[in-house]
Each structure stands twice: as C-alpha cells, then as structure tokens.
Amino acid sequence: MKRSLLTLILAFIVLASACTNKNFQEKQDALFYDGDRTYHIVVYSGGKVIIDENFKGIVHPNDRTNGIYYFKNDTLKEIKGDYIITSIK
C-alpha cells in the first residue's frame, strides 16, 4: 500500500514538472523567438567585429550550418560562426 502510494506521488510529480517545463518553454518562445522583434547582432571574425547592426524581424535557426538567418532591408543575411545576438524589447 505504501509503495503504491509513493509510486503514485512520484508519477504525479514527474508529470507535473514536465507540464511546467513545457509551459516555461512556450512562454520563452513567445517572448524571445516568435514574431517581429528588434535585435542587435555583433559578428566576429578573427576576434575583430565585422558586423555590428540592429534589425527588426524574425531570426531563424539554420539547422544545416549551425547559424542563423534573417532579412534586413529585403536582403537575406546568413550568419554562422562567432556572433552575439541580443533581443531588444
């Protein structure tokens, strides 16, 4: 009886934490990844800054190159390598 109750309680805790993590991820995605936002990006090559700009749009991960891409002034920009991107709210 005690073992069954303990198992039930542990199962509930695991399921509750999974829902909490999913909700947290959804909130994080809504705040930082979905929709038009203003971003600041700094790209480095050999330790020197080669791009330092702001843009408004959506950042998309590029699964094939381990980088990102975005549009700025109707131009597609693809970034890979060392970069820092900051979302400006």
Protein backbone atom coordinates (compact mmCIF):
# COMPACT_ATOMS: atom_id res chain seq x y z
CA MET A 1 0.00 0.00 0.00
CA LYS A 2 2.73 2.48 0.98
CA ARG A 3 4.78 1.53 -2.07
CA SER A 4 1.80 2.08 -4.40
CA LEU A 5 1.04 5.45 -2.85
CA LEU A 6 4.69 6.51 -3.10
CA THR A 7 4.81 5.43 -6.76
CA LEU A 8 1.63 7.38 -7.49
CA ILE A 9 3.00 10.51 -5.81
CA LEU A 10 6.30 10.26 -7.72
CA ALA A 11 4.45 9.79 -11.02
CA PHE A 12 2.36 12.87 -10.30
CA ILE A 13 5.47 14.95 -9.51
CA VAL A 14 7.20 13.85 -12.72
CA LEU A 15 4.14 14.63 -14.84
CA ALA A 16 3.59 17.98 -13.15
CA SER A 17 7.21 19.02 -13.70
CA ALA A 18 7.00 18.01 -17.38
CA CYS A 19 3.98 20.28 -17.84
CA THR A 20 5.75 23.12 -16.06
CA ASN A 21 8.82 22.76 -18.30
CA LYS A 22 6.63 22.74 -21.42
CA ASN A 23 4.78 25.86 -20.25
CA PHE A 24 8.08 27.56 -19.48
CA GLN A 25 9.40 26.71 -22.95
CA GLU A 26 6.24 28.03 -24.61
CA LYS A 27 6.48 31.29 -22.67
CA GLN A 28 10.17 31.62 -23.52
CA ASP A 29 9.45 31.02 -27.22
CA ALA A 30 6.67 33.60 -27.18
CA LEU A 31 8.88 36.19 -25.52
CA PHE A 32 12.08 35.71 -27.48
CA TYR A 33 11.59 33.84 -30.73
CA ASP A 34 8.17 34.37 -32.26
CA GLY A 35 7.17 37.44 -34.22
CA ASP A 36 8.89 40.65 -35.25
CA ARG A 37 11.33 41.97 -32.69
CA THR A 38 14.26 44.36 -32.74
CA TYR A 39 17.65 42.66 -32.46
CA HIS A 40 21.24 43.78 -32.10
CA ILE A 41 23.81 41.47 -33.67
CA VAL A 42 27.59 41.55 -33.44
CA VAL A 43 29.56 39.14 -35.63
CA TYR A 44 33.25 38.40 -35.06
CA SER A 45 35.94 37.07 -37.38
CA GLY A 46 39.43 36.50 -36.04
CA GLY A 47 38.48 38.36 -32.87
CA LYS A 48 37.50 41.52 -34.82
CA VAL A 49 33.98 42.88 -35.22
CA ILE A 50 32.85 42.56 -38.84
CA ILE A 51 29.12 43.26 -38.41
CA ASP A 52 27.50 45.41 -35.71
CA GLU A 53 23.92 46.31 -36.55
CA ASN A 54 20.30 46.44 -35.43
CA PHE A 55 17.44 44.97 -37.39
CA LYS A 56 13.75 44.33 -36.94
CA GLY A 57 12.39 40.96 -37.94
CA ILE A 58 12.44 37.29 -37.10
CA VAL A 59 15.59 35.25 -36.52
CA HIS A 60 15.51 31.74 -37.92
CA PRO A 61 17.92 28.99 -36.88
CA ASN A 62 19.77 27.41 -39.80
CA ASP A 63 19.94 23.71 -38.94
CA ARG A 64 22.42 22.86 -41.70
CA THR A 65 25.14 25.39 -40.80
CA ASN A 66 24.73 25.86 -37.04
CA GLY A 67 23.97 29.52 -37.66
CA ILE A 68 21.03 31.88 -38.18
CA TYR A 69 19.47 33.88 -40.97
CA TYR A 70 17.29 36.98 -41.13
CA PHE A 71 16.11 39.64 -43.55
CA LYS A 72 17.29 43.25 -43.38
CA ASN A 73 16.13 45.78 -45.98
CA ASP A 74 14.85 42.97 -48.24
CA THR A 75 18.27 41.26 -48.14
CA LEU A 76 18.69 37.76 -46.73
CA LYS A 77 21.62 37.64 -44.31
CA GLU A 78 23.07 34.32 -43.20
CA ILE A 79 25.32 34.30 -40.15
CA LYS A 80 27.49 31.44 -38.93
CA GLY A 81 30.50 31.32 -36.68
CA ASP A 82 31.01 33.62 -33.71
CA TYR A 83 28.16 36.02 -33.07
CA ILE A 84 26.21 37.57 -30.23
CA ILE A 85 22.57 38.39 -30.80
CA THR A 86 20.52 40.39 -28.33
CA SER A 87 16.78 40.88 -28.39
CA ILE A 88 15.87 44.48 -27.67
CA LYS A 89 12.39 44.80 -26.20
